[in-house]
Every structure is written in structure tokens, then in C-alpha cells.
């Protein structure tokens, strides 16, 4: 396992960039790999076998990162596409329990089935475990809330879901990369990797517990979901992979060339050290504003309608996001105490 210092050195510093929750920064190895792939493509020498190797390496690294066997892992493009497979298997008239204000890619795929009588009941994050009840078919939630960085009480939610036999679908996008994640605890997880895992947009993962494989419909099945990929490019016979690869979405090749080195870096990183580092920076920022520790790498502050706080941060050299009526900052491996001081000074003045 590499050290935190080694991981930090893999990224080119961008002073004031506190927007990992929107879009991560690429590692040097990702930039180099994509430049080389573009040059090869331009020269008419693109090798599909090498692209496949990048997908396979990414799958293996991600499995290691979230603590599951690669056979649990499917590749895709966006969270909503993967969550949509789970939503399609909710029975007619069933209840889905969701978090009020959660990211729409977690909830819209279920809401889209309202015509079948599927009901999505939205409750506060803090009440999620208490609101699980007999008849709840699926509990769908983000591990970390995109709007403000609040972290779900996973132990309580899983215990409540188990007690009534409800399925859990968890979006780990805003956690994986700074928060240690054990995907094996959930029935299904989805993750877009272009934020905290610093991969190109267009790369995402689904994990499925083996006992749920036959309960999901591979609604996006194509040649890449075949048991033998390059023997599945023409019909009419369909022979899908026996493991989670049956849910694979045909990959955007160049994106996976860039994802492979990024995911390898994070899979080799000391997860607890990275967690302490990112949260430590976030809490130092909070302390600079007189706020109590938050325990999250994401800090959300109230802002006015014209985004005055965000404008102050921008004027002071800090990149942050406007989200949900506030300003959102994300502290990650490429940040340091100078970034904290810069953001505090922008908001408090010299």
C-alpha cells in the first residue's frame, strides 16, 4: 500500500480548487494515459484489446477499493443508468423509501415508475432508518448527501432494512475516494467516479450482491454484457455473463483508459489516512469560521440569492460550487492548509 504522500504527489496542485464534489482533478498518470491514447487513435492505431484491458483493470481496482470481488462489479456510464436497472425491478405498487432532497439520479429512476403504482416516499436523512416499515421494498439513498455532505447512519439503515426484508440501493458517489466504503454491506451500490475518484466523466460502477443477480433485469444488455464479449457482437442468441458483468454498459473507451490509473491510485491508498486528511482540512475550515466539526469532507454554507459567499470565495481564488441555495466546498487529497487559509480569509476578511 502506498503512503498518503505518494498519493498526493500523483496530482498536480491547483491552488484554491475546493470542488471535488462537482468534478475531481485528474492525476498526472490519467492525463498521460489519455494523451497517449489520443495520439494512438489519431495515428489510426487504436487497439480495442488495450481498451478492454483498461476496463478490466478499472473493475479490479474498484472492487479492491470497495471491498468486493470483481465478480460483483459491473461497469457503466452514469449513476442514473445503473440505478435504473434496480428501479425497473421494483414490483408494481411497491414502496421505495428515499431521502428528501437526495441527488435526483438516486430518486428519479424510481419516480419514473409511478405509472406502475410505485410510490417513492421521501423522508429526512436523519429519519431514514426509523421510517423503514413492513412493506418497504427498497431503501434508496446516498451514502453522503451531495447538497451538504451529511453522512447516512449506515448501521441503523441496514439494520432497519434487514428487519423488514427491504432491499438497499446506495449511491456511494460522494463518499468513495475520501470515506472508506464497504460495498458488500449493501445489496446494490452505484458510483460515478469522476468526482472523488478523479476518473473521467463517463465511468461508473454498479455492485450487486450475488443473491440479487437474478433479481435484476439487464435492461441495457449489449455485446459487452456477453459471457464472451467479442463473440456477442451479433445475434440472435444471447448468452450473458453469469456474474455482474451481465449488467455492463458498453464502455466509452478513452474514458476508461484515463480511469484505470486513477482507480489504481485510490485502491492502493491508505483509506483511513486519506479520510482523516480530507475531513481534517474540512474541519479546519469550519473552525476558521467558528463552526463545530462536521465529520465530512464536504462543507456547505448558507448563501444568499445572488451567491455572495461564493463570489467572495471566487474573488479570493477559491473554486467552490453553488448548490441547493448555498455554497459547497469539498476538501480532498490535492488540497492543503493553504487552501483552507485562503478560503477562510475570503469569507472572514484579512
Protein backbone atom coordinates (compact mmCIF):
# COMPACT_ATOMS: atom_id res chain seq x y z
CA UNK A 1 0.00 0.00 0.00
CA UNK A 2 1.28 3.44 -0.92
CA UNK A 3 1.56 6.33 1.52
CA UNK A 4 -0.71 9.35 1.59
CA UNK A 5 2.27 11.44 0.50
CA UNK A 6 2.69 9.25 -2.58
CA UNK A 7 -0.97 9.66 -3.47
CA UNK A 8 -0.78 13.42 -3.02
CA UNK A 9 2.29 13.61 -5.23
CA UNK A 10 0.35 11.90 -8.05
CA UNK A 11 -1.69 15.09 -8.57
CA UNK A 12 -0.58 18.49 -9.85
CA UNK A 13 -1.61 21.09 -7.26
CA UNK A 14 -4.30 23.57 -8.27
CA UNK A 15 -4.36 26.22 -5.53
CA UNK A 16 -7.86 27.04 -4.34
CA UNK A 17 -9.62 24.14 -6.06
CA UNK A 18 -12.21 23.02 -3.48
CA UNK A 19 -14.74 21.48 -5.83
CA UNK A 20 -14.08 17.74 -5.74
CA UNK A 21 -17.78 17.17 -5.01
CA UNK A 22 -18.52 18.52 -8.50
CA UNK A 23 -15.57 17.26 -10.51
CA UNK A 24 -12.29 15.75 -9.43
CA UNK A 25 -8.88 16.72 -10.77
CA UNK A 26 -7.01 14.20 -12.93
CA UNK A 27 -3.86 12.52 -11.71
CA UNK A 28 -0.77 13.01 -13.83
CA UNK A 29 -0.97 9.33 -14.85
CA UNK A 30 -4.54 9.83 -16.10
CA UNK A 31 -3.54 12.82 -18.22
CA UNK A 32 -0.55 10.96 -19.66
CA UNK A 33 -2.62 7.85 -20.45
CA UNK A 34 -5.32 9.83 -22.22
CA UNK A 35 -2.85 11.89 -24.21
CA UNK A 36 -1.13 8.69 -25.36
CA UNK A 37 -4.48 7.11 -26.25
CA UNK A 38 -5.48 10.16 -28.28
CA UNK A 39 -2.18 10.11 -30.16
CA UNK A 40 -2.61 6.41 -30.89
CA UNK A 41 -6.18 6.95 -32.07
CA UNK A 42 -5.14 9.87 -34.29
CA UNK A 43 -2.44 7.67 -35.85
CA UNK A 44 -5.03 5.06 -36.77
CA UNK A 45 -3.57 2.55 -34.35
CA UNK A 46 -6.33 2.30 -31.74
CA UNK A 47 -6.22 -1.13 -30.12
CA UNK A 48 -9.55 -2.34 -28.75
CA UNK A 49 -7.76 -5.02 -26.75
CA UNK A 50 -5.90 -2.34 -24.82
CA UNK A 51 -9.20 -0.58 -24.13
CA UNK A 52 -10.60 -3.84 -22.77
CA UNK A 53 -7.56 -4.18 -20.54
CA UNK A 54 -8.23 -0.71 -19.13
CA UNK A 55 -11.83 -1.67 -18.33
CA UNK A 56 -10.74 -4.91 -16.68
CA UNK A 57 -8.04 -3.15 -14.65
CA UNK A 58 -10.53 -0.48 -13.56
CA UNK A 59 -13.04 -3.13 -12.47
CA UNK A 60 -10.39 -4.93 -10.42
CA UNK A 61 -9.11 -1.76 -8.75
CA UNK A 62 -12.60 -0.57 -7.93
CA UNK A 63 -13.52 -3.95 -6.43
CA UNK A 64 -10.45 -3.71 -4.22
CA UNK A 65 -11.33 -0.15 -3.24
CA UNK A 66 -14.88 -1.00 -2.07
CA UNK A 67 -14.12 -4.43 -0.63
CA UNK A 68 -15.89 -6.82 -3.00
CA UNK A 69 -14.92 -9.49 -5.51
CA UNK A 70 -14.66 -8.25 -9.12
CA UNK A 71 -17.48 -10.65 -10.00
CA UNK A 72 -19.81 -8.30 -8.07
CA UNK A 73 -18.89 -5.31 -10.25
CA UNK A 74 -20.49 -4.02 -13.44
CA UNK A 75 -19.26 -1.04 -15.44
CA UNK A 76 -21.42 1.76 -16.74
CA UNK A 77 -21.51 5.40 -17.66
CA UNK A 78 -23.68 7.31 -15.17
CA UNK A 79 -25.30 6.61 -11.82
CA UNK A 80 -28.86 7.03 -13.08
CA UNK A 81 -28.38 4.38 -15.78
CA UNK A 82 -27.24 1.84 -13.19
CA UNK A 83 -29.83 2.76 -10.56
CA UNK A 84 -32.43 2.49 -13.30
CA UNK A 85 -31.80 -1.26 -13.54
CA UNK A 86 -32.68 -1.60 -9.87
CA UNK A 87 -35.72 0.64 -10.24
CA UNK A 88 -37.07 -1.48 -13.09
CA UNK A 89 -37.32 -4.48 -10.77
CA UNK A 90 -39.44 -2.83 -8.08
CA UNK A 91 -42.82 -4.62 -8.17
CA UNK A 92 -45.96 -2.80 -9.25
CA UNK A 93 -47.47 -0.88 -6.35
CA UNK A 94 -44.42 -1.25 -4.10
CA UNK A 95 -42.93 1.41 -1.83
CA UNK A 96 -39.46 2.89 -2.20
CA UNK A 97 -38.10 4.88 0.71
CA UNK A 98 -35.80 7.76 -0.22
CA UNK A 99 -34.18 10.82 1.33
CA UNK A 100 -35.88 14.18 0.91
CA UNK A 101 -33.61 16.33 -1.28
CA UNK A 102 -31.32 13.49 -2.31
CA UNK A 103 -29.50 13.66 -5.63
CA UNK A 104 -32.00 13.11 -8.41
CA UNK A 105 -30.03 10.28 -10.05
CA UNK A 106 -30.85 8.24 -6.95
CA UNK A 107 -34.56 9.05 -6.86
CA UNK A 108 -35.76 9.88 -10.40
CA UNK A 109 -35.19 6.33 -11.73
CA UNK A 110 -37.74 5.13 -9.15
CA UNK A 111 -40.14 8.07 -9.51
CA UNK A 112 -40.27 7.29 -13.25
CA UNK A 113 -42.19 4.10 -12.39
CA UNK A 114 -45.13 5.96 -10.82
CA UNK A 115 -47.36 4.76 -13.68
CA UNK A 116 -46.95 1.21 -12.30
CA UNK A 117 -48.04 2.36 -8.87
CA UNK A 118 -44.51 2.52 -7.46
CA UNK A 119 -44.55 5.03 -4.62
CA UNK A 120 -41.41 6.92 -3.59
CA UNK A 121 -41.72 8.20 -0.04
CA UNK A 122 -39.23 10.96 0.79
CA UNK A 123 -38.15 11.43 4.41
CA UNK A 124 -35.41 13.41 6.18
CA UNK A 125 -31.99 11.74 6.18
CA UNK A 126 -31.94 11.66 9.97
CA UNK A 127 -35.24 9.73 9.99
CA UNK A 128 -34.40 7.27 7.23
CA UNK A 129 -33.84 4.23 9.46
CA UNK A 130 -36.90 4.99 11.59
CA UNK A 131 -39.12 5.31 8.51
CA UNK A 132 -38.35 1.83 7.14
CA UNK A 133 -41.51 -0.21 7.65
CA UNK A 134 -43.09 -3.52 6.68
CA UNK A 135 -43.99 -3.21 3.02
CA UNK A 136 -40.98 -1.06 2.15
CA UNK A 137 -39.46 -2.86 -0.83
CA UNK A 138 -36.34 -0.73 -1.42
CA UNK A 139 -34.43 1.84 0.59
CA UNK A 140 -32.60 4.05 -1.93
CA UNK A 141 -30.22 6.67 -0.58
CA UNK A 142 -26.86 8.36 -0.99
CA UNK A 143 -24.14 7.42 1.45
CA UNK A 144 -23.12 11.09 1.51
CA UNK A 145 -25.54 13.82 0.58
CA UNK A 146 -24.47 15.82 -2.47
CA UNK A 147 -26.06 19.04 -1.26
CA UNK A 148 -24.35 19.34 2.11
CA UNK A 149 -22.09 16.35 2.83
CA UNK A 150 -24.17 14.74 5.56
CA UNK A 151 -23.26 11.07 6.00
CA UNK A 152 -26.01 8.46 6.37
CA UNK A 153 -26.18 6.30 9.50
CA UNK A 154 -25.45 3.14 7.55
CA UNK A 155 -25.59 0.78 10.53
CA UNK A 156 -29.07 1.95 11.50
CA UNK A 157 -30.41 1.93 7.94
CA UNK A 158 -29.11 -1.55 7.19
CA UNK A 159 -30.46 -2.93 10.46
CA UNK A 160 -33.89 -1.46 9.76
CA UNK A 161 -33.93 -2.76 6.19
CA UNK A 162 -32.87 -6.24 7.27
CA UNK A 163 -35.60 -6.33 9.90
CA UNK A 164 -38.35 -5.96 7.27
CA UNK A 165 -36.61 -7.66 4.34
CA UNK A 166 -36.16 -4.45 2.34
CA UNK A 167 -33.54 -4.15 -0.38
CA UNK A 168 -30.86 -1.45 -0.07
CA UNK A 169 -29.66 0.61 -3.03
CA UNK A 170 -26.90 3.04 -2.08
CA UNK A 171 -25.21 5.69 -4.21
CA UNK A 172 -21.65 5.96 -2.91
CA UNK A 173 -20.52 8.60 -5.43
CA UNK A 174 -19.94 11.37 -2.88
CA UNK A 175 -18.16 9.07 -0.44
CA UNK A 176 -15.89 6.68 -2.32
CA UNK A 177 -12.49 8.30 -2.54
CA UNK A 178 -12.41 10.05 0.84
CA UNK A 179 -14.66 7.86 3.01
CA UNK A 180 -13.80 4.17 3.48
CA UNK A 181 -16.63 2.18 1.87
CA UNK A 182 -17.56 -1.48 2.20
CA UNK A 183 -19.94 -2.08 -0.70
CA UNK A 184 -20.55 -5.67 0.42
CA UNK A 185 -22.84 -4.35 3.15
CA UNK A 186 -25.40 -3.16 0.61
CA UNK A 187 -27.50 -5.18 -1.81
CA UNK A 188 -26.72 -2.79 -4.66
CA UNK A 189 -24.44 0.22 -4.94
CA UNK A 190 -23.76 2.68 -7.72
CA UNK A 191 -20.85 5.06 -8.06
CA UNK A 192 -19.86 7.72 -10.60
CA UNK A 193 -16.09 8.01 -10.44
CA UNK A 194 -15.44 11.47 -11.88
CA UNK A 195 -15.64 13.24 -8.53
CA UNK A 196 -13.66 11.94 -5.55
CA UNK A 197 -12.05 9.11 -7.54
CA UNK A 198 -10.65 11.54 -10.10
CA UNK A 199 -11.57 9.49 -13.18
CA UNK A 200 -13.04 10.92 -16.41
CA UNK A 201 -16.76 11.51 -16.54
CA UNK A 202 -18.50 8.62 -18.28
CA UNK A 203 -17.13 5.95 -15.95
CA UNK A 204 -19.32 4.44 -13.25
CA UNK A 205 -19.77 1.18 -11.36
CA UNK A 206 -22.58 -0.99 -10.08
CA UNK A 207 -22.06 -3.61 -7.37
CA UNK A 208 -24.61 -6.38 -6.88
CA UNK A 209 -24.69 -8.99 -4.15
CA UNK A 210 -24.67 -12.45 -5.79
CA UNK A 211 -28.09 -13.36 -4.39
CA UNK A 212 -29.57 -10.37 -6.24
CA UNK A 213 -28.08 -11.14 -9.65
CA UNK A 214 -31.14 -13.00 -10.86
CA UNK A 215 -33.49 -10.39 -9.41
CA UNK A 216 -32.19 -7.58 -11.63
CA UNK A 217 -33.05 -7.34 -15.29
CA UNK A 218 -30.05 -6.46 -17.51
CA UNK A 219 -32.16 -3.90 -19.36
CA UNK A 220 -29.13 -2.28 -21.00
CA UNK A 221 -27.64 -5.59 -22.12
CA UNK A 222 -25.49 -5.39 -25.21
CA UNK A 223 -22.46 -7.11 -26.61
CA UNK A 224 -20.27 -6.02 -23.70
CA UNK A 225 -22.51 -7.89 -21.26
CA UNK A 226 -21.92 -11.18 -23.07
CA UNK A 227 -20.22 -14.16 -21.49
CA UNK A 228 -17.70 -13.96 -24.32
CA UNK A 229 -17.57 -10.29 -25.26
CA UNK A 230 -16.21 -10.49 -28.78
CA UNK A 231 -18.46 -13.45 -29.60
CA UNK A 232 -21.55 -11.46 -28.58
CA UNK A 233 -21.47 -8.69 -31.13
CA UNK A 234 -24.18 -10.28 -33.31
CA UNK A 235 -27.44 -12.05 -32.52
CA UNK A 236 -29.76 -13.72 -32.39
CA UNK A 237 -28.53 -15.89 -29.50
CA UNK A 238 -27.94 -14.08 -26.20
CA UNK A 239 -25.55 -15.62 -23.68
CA UNK A 240 -24.88 -13.10 -20.94
CA UNK A 241 -22.12 -13.26 -18.34
CA UNK A 242 -23.02 -15.26 -15.25
CA UNK A 243 -21.75 -12.64 -12.81
CA UNK A 244 -22.37 -8.88 -12.51
CA UNK A 245 -20.77 -8.32 -15.92
CA UNK A 246 -24.18 -9.12 -17.36
CA UNK A 247 -25.12 -5.57 -16.35
CA UNK A 248 -22.15 -3.95 -18.12
CA UNK A 249 -22.87 -0.98 -20.34
CA UNK A 250 -20.63 -0.77 -23.40
CA UNK A 251 -17.72 1.44 -22.28
CA UNK A 252 -16.62 4.81 -23.58
CA UNK A 253 -13.11 3.53 -24.27
CA UNK A 254 -10.93 6.60 -23.83
CA UNK A 255 -12.63 7.41 -20.53
CA UNK A 256 -11.60 4.02 -19.17
CA UNK A 257 -8.01 4.49 -20.34
CA UNK A 258 -7.96 7.50 -18.02
CA UNK A 259 -9.90 5.81 -15.24
CA UNK A 260 -7.57 2.82 -14.85
CA UNK A 261 -4.57 4.68 -13.36
CA UNK A 262 -6.79 6.86 -11.17
CA UNK A 263 -8.62 3.90 -9.67
CA UNK A 264 -5.37 2.04 -9.12
CA UNK A 265 -4.04 5.01 -7.15
CA UNK A 266 -7.06 5.16 -4.85
CA UNK A 267 -7.27 1.38 -4.43
CA UNK A 268 -3.66 1.47 -3.18
CA UNK A 269 -4.19 4.48 -0.94
CA UNK A 270 -4.32 4.24 2.87
CA UNK A 271 -8.08 4.76 3.20
CA UNK A 272 -8.13 5.76 6.85
CA UNK A 273 -5.26 8.22 6.39
CA UNK A 274 -6.98 9.79 3.41
CA UNK A 275 -10.23 10.05 5.36
CA UNK A 276 -8.51 11.77 8.28
CA UNK A 277 -6.68 14.13 5.94
CA UNK A 278 -9.73 15.26 3.95
CA UNK A 279 -12.02 15.60 6.95
CA UNK A 280 -9.24 17.30 8.89
CA UNK A 281 -8.95 20.01 6.24
CA UNK A 282 -12.73 20.44 6.14
CA UNK A 283 -12.97 20.72 9.91
CA UNK A 284 -10.06 23.17 9.98
CA UNK A 285 -12.01 25.34 7.53
CA UNK A 286 -15.09 25.06 9.72
CA UNK A 287 -13.07 26.02 12.79
CA UNK A 288 -11.76 29.08 10.95
CA UNK A 289 -15.36 30.23 10.60
CA UNK A 290 -16.23 29.40 14.20
CA UNK A 291 -18.17 26.26 13.31
CA UNK A 292 -18.10 22.89 15.06
CA UNK A 293 -16.51 19.88 13.33
CA UNK A 294 -18.70 18.30 10.69
CA UNK A 295 -17.07 14.92 10.15
CA UNK A 296 -17.35 15.21 6.37
CA UNK A 297 -15.02 16.27 3.57
CA UNK A 298 -17.89 18.39 2.23
CA UNK A 299 -18.81 21.70 3.86
CA UNK A 300 -21.99 23.53 2.90
CA UNK A 301 -22.69 27.12 3.94
CA UNK A 302 -25.84 29.16 3.55
CA UNK A 303 -25.67 31.78 0.84
CA UNK A 304 -27.98 34.50 -0.42
CA UNK A 305 -29.89 34.50 -3.68
CA UNK A 306 -27.08 36.17 -5.62
CA UNK A 307 -24.38 33.87 -4.26
CA UNK A 308 -22.45 36.49 -2.29
CA UNK A 309 -20.38 33.98 -0.34
CA UNK A 310 -19.50 32.05 -3.44
CA UNK A 311 -18.46 35.31 -5.12
CA UNK A 312 -16.20 36.17 -2.17
CA UNK A 313 -14.55 32.78 -2.42
CA UNK A 314 -14.04 33.18 -6.16
CA UNK A 315 -12.56 36.65 -5.72
CA UNK A 316 -10.16 35.21 -3.16
CA UNK A 317 -9.01 32.45 -5.50
CA UNK A 318 -11.20 29.58 -4.29
CA UNK A 319 -13.27 27.42 -6.63
CA UNK A 320 -16.46 26.19 -4.93
CA UNK A 321 -19.94 25.21 -6.11
CA UNK A 322 -23.35 26.79 -5.68
CA UNK A 323 -25.75 24.03 -4.65
CA UNK A 324 -29.22 23.99 -3.11
CA UNK A 325 -29.26 27.65 -2.14
CA UNK A 326 -25.82 27.53 -0.55
CA UNK A 327 -22.14 27.26 -1.35
CA UNK A 328 -20.43 23.85 -1.21
CA UNK A 329 -16.74 23.17 -0.68
CA UNK A 330 -15.02 19.79 -0.98
CA UNK A 331 -11.60 19.06 0.54
CA UNK A 332 -9.56 16.27 -1.00
CA UNK A 333 -6.12 14.76 -1.42
CA UNK A 334 -4.80 17.56 -3.66
CA UNK A 335 -5.72 20.26 -1.12
CA UNK A 336 -3.63 21.56 1.77
CA UNK A 337 -3.72 24.01 4.67
CA UNK A 338 -3.03 26.91 2.29
CA UNK A 339 -6.35 26.15 0.60
CA UNK A 340 -8.05 26.24 3.99
CA UNK A 341 -6.47 29.56 4.94
CA UNK A 342 -7.32 31.09 1.54
CA UNK A 343 -11.00 30.14 1.82
CA UNK A 344 -11.30 31.31 5.43
CA UNK A 345 -9.67 34.65 4.60
CA UNK A 346 -12.03 35.15 1.67
CA UNK A 347 -15.06 34.76 3.89
CA UNK A 348 -13.78 36.46 7.06
CA UNK A 349 -11.55 39.09 5.55
CA UNK A 350 -7.88 39.81 6.31
